[in-house]
Amino acid sequence: MTYVIAEPCIDIVDRACVEECPVDCIYEGDRALYIHPDECVDCGACEPVCPVEAIYYEDDLPDEWSVFTADNARFFTDPLPGHETPLGSPGGASKLGRIGVDTELVAGHPPKEPE
C-alpha cells in the first residue's frame, strides 16, 4: 500500500507535502505531484500538510478518484510525453527536480478556474 495524490492537486501543486516527505518520494510533473509507490514508506507525513486534501492512503481514496492510484504509478512505469523511457525508481525527487510533464489523465484534465 502507498499514499496517492488525487484530483484536487491538479493545477494547485502546493509543495508543502514535498517539504514534509522524509524520503523524497513526491515528484513534480507539470500540473500535479505524484507519489512514487515503491519509494513511499507509508509514514503519512504528507497527508496532513496538503492544503487541498489531495493525499490519501490508498485504501481510503474516495471512489471518484480511484483512477489516481494507477495513474500515480504510471507516472513512473510508463514513458512520459517527450521521454523515451520510464522514470523508473530514480531514488529521490530532488535528484530530478521538476519533471514538467504529466500522465495523460492529468494532462487531459480540464484546467481549474482560478479562485
N, C-alpha and C. Protein backbone atom coordinates (compact mmCIF):
# COMPACT_ATOMS: atom_id res chain seq x y z
N MET A 1 0.83 -1.18 0.00
CA MET A 1 0.00 0.00 0.00
C MET A 1 0.88 1.25 0.00
N THR A 2 0.28 2.34 -0.44
CA THR A 2 1.01 3.60 -0.50
C THR A 2 0.03 4.76 -0.41
N TYR A 3 0.56 5.95 -0.36
CA TYR A 3 -0.25 7.15 -0.43
C TYR A 3 -0.39 7.56 -1.89
N VAL A 4 -1.49 8.23 -2.20
CA VAL A 4 -1.82 8.60 -3.57
C VAL A 4 -2.22 10.08 -3.58
N ILE A 5 -1.80 10.79 -4.61
CA ILE A 5 -2.23 12.18 -4.80
C ILE A 5 -3.32 12.17 -5.86
N ALA A 6 -4.47 12.74 -5.52
CA ALA A 6 -5.65 12.68 -6.38
C ALA A 6 -5.95 14.03 -7.05
N GLU A 7 -7.10 14.10 -7.66
CA GLU A 7 -7.54 15.22 -8.50
C GLU A 7 -7.40 16.61 -7.86
N PRO A 8 -7.65 16.80 -6.57
CA PRO A 8 -7.55 18.16 -6.03
C PRO A 8 -6.19 18.83 -6.20
N CYS A 9 -5.14 18.05 -6.43
CA CYS A 9 -3.80 18.61 -6.62
C CYS A 9 -3.61 19.23 -8.00
N ILE A 10 -4.39 18.80 -8.97
CA ILE A 10 -4.21 19.28 -10.34
C ILE A 10 -4.36 20.80 -10.37
N ASP A 11 -3.39 21.46 -10.95
CA ASP A 11 -3.30 22.91 -11.10
C ASP A 11 -3.08 23.66 -9.79
N ILE A 12 -2.87 22.94 -8.69
CA ILE A 12 -2.55 23.57 -7.41
C ILE A 12 -1.05 23.42 -7.14
N VAL A 13 -0.56 22.18 -7.17
CA VAL A 13 0.85 21.84 -6.99
C VAL A 13 1.48 22.58 -5.80
N ASP A 14 0.80 22.54 -4.67
CA ASP A 14 1.36 23.09 -3.45
C ASP A 14 2.43 22.11 -2.95
N ARG A 15 3.60 22.59 -2.69
CA ARG A 15 4.73 21.73 -2.38
C ARG A 15 4.93 21.47 -0.88
N ALA A 16 3.94 21.77 -0.06
CA ALA A 16 4.07 21.52 1.38
C ALA A 16 4.35 20.05 1.65
N CYS A 17 3.72 19.17 0.89
CA CYS A 17 3.94 17.73 1.07
C CYS A 17 5.36 17.33 0.69
N VAL A 18 5.90 17.96 -0.33
CA VAL A 18 7.26 17.67 -0.77
C VAL A 18 8.25 18.01 0.34
N GLU A 19 8.04 19.18 0.95
CA GLU A 19 8.92 19.62 2.03
C GLU A 19 8.82 18.72 3.25
N GLU A 20 7.65 18.12 3.48
CA GLU A 20 7.42 17.29 4.66
C GLU A 20 7.90 15.84 4.49
N CYS A 21 7.99 15.39 3.25
CA CYS A 21 8.32 13.98 2.97
C CYS A 21 9.76 13.65 3.39
N PRO A 22 9.93 12.70 4.31
CA PRO A 22 11.28 12.38 4.78
C PRO A 22 12.09 11.52 3.81
N VAL A 23 11.44 10.94 2.80
CA VAL A 23 12.16 10.06 1.87
C VAL A 23 12.22 10.60 0.45
N ASP A 24 11.74 11.84 0.23
CA ASP A 24 11.87 12.50 -1.07
C ASP A 24 11.21 11.71 -2.20
N CYS A 25 9.98 11.20 -1.94
CA CYS A 25 9.31 10.35 -2.93
C CYS A 25 8.17 11.05 -3.67
N ILE A 26 8.03 12.37 -3.52
CA ILE A 26 6.96 13.10 -4.20
C ILE A 26 7.59 13.91 -5.33
N TYR A 27 7.19 13.55 -6.55
CA TYR A 27 7.77 14.11 -7.76
C TYR A 27 6.82 15.14 -8.38
N GLU A 28 7.39 16.15 -9.01
CA GLU A 28 6.58 17.21 -9.59
C GLU A 28 6.50 17.09 -11.10
N GLY A 29 5.26 16.94 -11.57
CA GLY A 29 5.01 16.96 -13.00
C GLY A 29 4.85 18.40 -13.45
N ASP A 30 3.90 18.64 -14.34
CA ASP A 30 3.62 19.99 -14.78
C ASP A 30 2.45 20.58 -14.00
N ARG A 31 1.35 19.82 -13.96
CA ARG A 31 0.13 20.31 -13.32
C ARG A 31 -0.20 19.60 -12.02
N ALA A 32 0.59 18.61 -11.62
CA ALA A 32 0.30 17.84 -10.41
C ALA A 32 1.57 17.23 -9.84
N LEU A 33 1.43 16.72 -8.62
CA LEU A 33 2.50 15.99 -7.95
C LEU A 33 2.15 14.51 -7.93
N TYR A 34 3.15 13.66 -7.84
CA TYR A 34 2.97 12.21 -7.89
C TYR A 34 3.83 11.55 -6.81
N ILE A 35 3.24 10.59 -6.09
CA ILE A 35 3.98 9.84 -5.08
C ILE A 35 4.47 8.54 -5.69
N HIS A 36 5.77 8.29 -5.58
CA HIS A 36 6.34 7.05 -6.12
C HIS A 36 5.91 5.89 -5.21
N PRO A 37 5.15 4.91 -5.74
CA PRO A 37 4.62 3.85 -4.88
C PRO A 37 5.68 2.94 -4.28
N ASP A 38 6.84 2.82 -4.89
CA ASP A 38 7.89 1.96 -4.35
C ASP A 38 8.82 2.70 -3.39
N GLU A 39 8.92 4.00 -3.53
CA GLU A 39 9.80 4.79 -2.67
C GLU A 39 9.09 5.28 -1.41
N CYS A 40 7.77 5.36 -1.45
CA CYS A 40 6.98 5.81 -0.30
C CYS A 40 7.09 4.78 0.83
N VAL A 41 7.32 5.26 2.05
CA VAL A 41 7.45 4.37 3.20
C VAL A 41 6.18 4.38 4.07
N ASP A 42 5.11 4.94 3.54
CA ASP A 42 3.81 4.97 4.21
C ASP A 42 3.84 5.67 5.56
N CYS A 43 4.65 6.70 5.72
CA CYS A 43 4.74 7.39 7.00
C CYS A 43 3.56 8.31 7.24
N GLY A 44 2.94 8.79 6.16
CA GLY A 44 1.78 9.66 6.29
C GLY A 44 2.09 11.11 6.58
N ALA A 45 3.34 11.51 6.58
CA ALA A 45 3.70 12.89 6.90
C ALA A 45 3.13 13.89 5.89
N CYS A 46 2.95 13.46 4.67
CA CYS A 46 2.47 14.35 3.61
C CYS A 46 0.98 14.67 3.72
N GLU A 47 0.20 13.74 4.19
CA GLU A 47 -1.26 13.87 4.17
C GLU A 47 -1.78 15.08 4.94
N PRO A 48 -1.39 15.29 6.19
CA PRO A 48 -1.99 16.40 6.94
C PRO A 48 -1.55 17.79 6.48
N VAL A 49 -0.46 17.91 5.75
CA VAL A 49 0.00 19.24 5.32
C VAL A 49 -0.56 19.66 3.97
N CYS A 50 -1.26 18.78 3.28
CA CYS A 50 -1.83 19.12 1.97
C CYS A 50 -3.00 20.09 2.15
N PRO A 51 -2.89 21.30 1.60
CA PRO A 51 -3.92 22.31 1.83
C PRO A 51 -5.23 22.04 1.08
N VAL A 52 -5.21 21.15 0.10
CA VAL A 52 -6.42 20.86 -0.67
C VAL A 52 -6.93 19.44 -0.45
N GLU A 53 -6.37 18.75 0.54
CA GLU A 53 -6.77 17.38 0.88
C GLU A 53 -6.77 16.47 -0.35
N ALA A 54 -5.64 16.46 -1.05
CA ALA A 54 -5.50 15.64 -2.25
C ALA A 54 -4.78 14.33 -1.98
N ILE A 55 -4.20 14.16 -0.80
CA ILE A 55 -3.40 12.98 -0.50
C ILE A 55 -4.18 12.03 0.39
N TYR A 56 -4.23 10.76 -0.05
CA TYR A 56 -4.98 9.74 0.67
C TYR A 56 -4.16 8.47 0.76
N TYR A 57 -4.34 7.75 1.86
CA TYR A 57 -3.82 6.39 1.91
C TYR A 57 -4.62 5.61 0.87
N GLU A 58 -3.97 4.75 0.13
CA GLU A 58 -4.59 4.06 -1.00
C GLU A 58 -5.96 3.45 -0.66
N ASP A 59 -6.10 2.81 0.49
CA ASP A 59 -7.37 2.19 0.87
C ASP A 59 -8.45 3.21 1.21
N ASP A 60 -8.05 4.45 1.49
CA ASP A 60 -9.00 5.50 1.88
C ASP A 60 -9.36 6.43 0.74
N LEU A 61 -8.81 6.21 -0.42
CA LEU A 61 -9.05 7.08 -1.57
C LEU A 61 -10.53 6.99 -1.97
N PRO A 62 -11.21 8.15 -2.06
CA PRO A 62 -12.62 8.11 -2.48
C PRO A 62 -12.77 7.45 -3.86
N ASP A 63 -13.87 6.72 -4.04
CA ASP A 63 -14.12 6.00 -5.30
C ASP A 63 -14.01 6.90 -6.52
N GLU A 64 -14.46 8.14 -6.40
CA GLU A 64 -14.44 9.05 -7.54
C GLU A 64 -13.03 9.32 -8.05
N TRP A 65 -12.03 9.10 -7.21
CA TRP A 65 -10.64 9.33 -7.60
C TRP A 65 -9.82 8.05 -7.64
N SER A 66 -10.45 6.91 -7.69
CA SER A 66 -9.74 5.63 -7.65
C SER A 66 -8.76 5.47 -8.82
N VAL A 67 -9.01 6.12 -9.95
CA VAL A 67 -8.10 6.01 -11.10
C VAL A 67 -6.73 6.61 -10.81
N PHE A 68 -6.64 7.43 -9.77
CA PHE A 68 -5.36 8.07 -9.48
C PHE A 68 -4.34 7.13 -8.85
N THR A 69 -4.78 6.00 -8.32
CA THR A 69 -3.83 5.02 -7.78
C THR A 69 -2.94 4.50 -8.91
N ALA A 70 -3.56 4.01 -9.96
CA ALA A 70 -2.80 3.52 -11.12
C ALA A 70 -2.08 4.66 -11.83
N ASP A 71 -2.70 5.83 -11.85
CA ASP A 71 -2.10 6.96 -12.55
C ASP A 71 -0.81 7.41 -11.87
N ASN A 72 -0.78 7.45 -10.53
CA ASN A 72 0.46 7.79 -9.83
C ASN A 72 1.56 6.80 -10.20
N ALA A 73 1.23 5.52 -10.27
CA ALA A 73 2.22 4.50 -10.63
C ALA A 73 2.67 4.67 -12.08
N ARG A 74 1.71 4.97 -12.97
CA ARG A 74 2.03 5.15 -14.40
C ARG A 74 3.05 6.26 -14.63
N PHE A 75 3.04 7.27 -13.78
CA PHE A 75 4.00 8.37 -13.91
C PHE A 75 5.43 7.84 -13.89
N PHE A 76 5.63 6.71 -13.23
CA PHE A 76 6.97 6.13 -13.09
C PHE A 76 7.20 4.91 -13.97
N THR A 77 6.13 4.20 -14.34
CA THR A 77 6.29 2.95 -15.09
C THR A 77 6.12 3.08 -16.60
N ASP A 78 5.46 4.13 -17.06
CA ASP A 78 5.24 4.34 -18.49
C ASP A 78 6.06 5.54 -18.96
N PRO A 79 6.55 5.52 -20.19
CA PRO A 79 7.25 6.71 -20.68
C PRO A 79 6.31 7.92 -20.70
N LEU A 80 6.78 9.03 -20.22
CA LEU A 80 6.00 10.27 -20.23
C LEU A 80 6.19 10.97 -21.57
N PRO A 81 5.27 11.84 -21.96
CA PRO A 81 5.44 12.57 -23.21
C PRO A 81 6.81 13.25 -23.27
N GLY A 82 7.51 13.04 -24.37
CA GLY A 82 8.83 13.62 -24.55
C GLY A 82 9.96 12.81 -23.95
N HIS A 83 9.65 11.69 -23.31
CA HIS A 83 10.66 10.80 -22.73
C HIS A 83 10.58 9.44 -23.42
N GLU A 84 11.71 8.90 -23.75
CA GLU A 84 11.73 7.60 -24.43
C GLU A 84 11.57 6.43 -23.47
N THR A 85 12.00 6.61 -22.24
CA THR A 85 11.94 5.53 -21.25
C THR A 85 11.20 6.01 -20.01
N PRO A 86 10.66 5.08 -19.23
CA PRO A 86 10.00 5.45 -17.97
C PRO A 86 11.00 6.04 -16.97
N LEU A 87 10.49 6.80 -16.02
CA LEU A 87 11.35 7.34 -14.96
C LEU A 87 11.89 6.24 -14.08
N GLY A 88 11.10 5.19 -13.90
CA GLY A 88 11.53 4.09 -13.03
C GLY A 88 11.58 4.54 -11.58
N SER A 89 12.61 4.11 -10.88
CA SER A 89 12.79 4.49 -9.48
C SER A 89 14.09 5.26 -9.35
N PRO A 90 14.02 6.58 -9.54
CA PRO A 90 15.24 7.39 -9.52
C PRO A 90 15.90 7.52 -8.15
N GLY A 91 15.17 7.16 -7.08
CA GLY A 91 15.76 7.22 -5.75
C GLY A 91 15.71 8.59 -5.11
N GLY A 92 14.71 9.37 -5.49
CA GLY A 92 14.52 10.68 -4.87
C GLY A 92 14.17 11.75 -5.88
N ALA A 93 13.14 12.50 -5.56
CA ALA A 93 12.66 13.53 -6.47
C ALA A 93 13.64 14.68 -6.63
N SER A 94 14.36 15.01 -5.59
CA SER A 94 15.28 16.15 -5.67
C SER A 94 16.40 15.92 -6.69
N LYS A 95 16.71 14.67 -6.97
CA LYS A 95 17.73 14.36 -7.97
C LYS A 95 17.30 14.81 -9.36
N LEU A 96 15.98 14.78 -9.61
CA LEU A 96 15.46 15.10 -10.94
C LEU A 96 14.92 16.52 -11.05
N GLY A 97 14.46 17.06 -9.94
CA GLY A 97 13.81 18.36 -10.00
C GLY A 97 12.44 18.24 -10.65
N ARG A 98 11.91 19.34 -11.10
CA ARG A 98 10.60 19.38 -11.73
C ARG A 98 10.67 18.65 -13.07
N ILE A 99 9.78 17.66 -13.26
CA ILE A 99 9.77 16.87 -14.49
C ILE A 99 9.13 17.68 -15.62
N GLY A 100 8.05 18.41 -15.31
CA GLY A 100 7.45 19.32 -16.28
C GLY A 100 6.46 18.70 -17.24
N VAL A 101 6.15 17.41 -17.09
CA VAL A 101 5.12 16.75 -17.89
C VAL A 101 4.28 15.89 -16.96
N ASP A 102 3.09 15.53 -17.45
CA ASP A 102 2.16 14.75 -16.65
C ASP A 102 1.71 13.50 -17.38
N THR A 103 1.01 12.66 -16.65
CA THR A 103 0.36 11.50 -17.27
C THR A 103 -0.77 12.00 -18.16
N GLU A 104 -1.26 11.14 -19.03
CA GLU A 104 -2.37 11.52 -19.91
C GLU A 104 -3.60 11.93 -19.10
N LEU A 105 -3.86 11.23 -18.00
CA LEU A 105 -5.03 11.55 -17.18
C LEU A 105 -4.97 12.99 -16.67
N VAL A 106 -3.85 13.36 -16.12
CA VAL A 106 -3.70 14.72 -15.56
C VAL A 106 -3.61 15.75 -16.69
N ALA A 107 -2.84 15.47 -17.71
CA ALA A 107 -2.69 16.44 -18.81
C ALA A 107 -4.02 16.71 -19.50
N GLY A 108 -4.88 15.70 -19.57
CA GLY A 108 -6.18 15.85 -20.23
C GLY A 108 -7.27 16.40 -19.34
N HIS A 109 -6.98 16.61 -18.08
CA HIS A 109 -7.97 17.12 -17.14
C HIS A 109 -8.27 18.59 -17.47
N PRO A 110 -9.55 18.97 -17.44
CA PRO A 110 -9.86 20.39 -17.71
C PRO A 110 -9.15 21.30 -16.71
N PRO A 111 -8.64 22.44 -17.17
CA PRO A 111 -7.96 23.37 -16.25
C PRO A 111 -8.94 23.87 -15.18
N LYS A 112 -8.41 24.07 -13.99
CA LYS A 112 -9.22 24.62 -12.90
C LYS A 112 -9.28 26.13 -13.05
N GLU A 113 -10.42 26.67 -12.74
CA GLU A 113 -10.59 28.11 -12.76
C GLU A 113 -9.90 28.72 -11.53
N PRO A 114 -9.19 29.82 -11.70
CA PRO A 114 -8.58 30.47 -10.54
C PRO A 114 -9.67 30.94 -9.57
N GLU A 115 -9.36 30.84 -8.29
CA GLU A 115 -10.35 31.25 -7.27
C GLU A 115 -10.27 32.72 -6.99
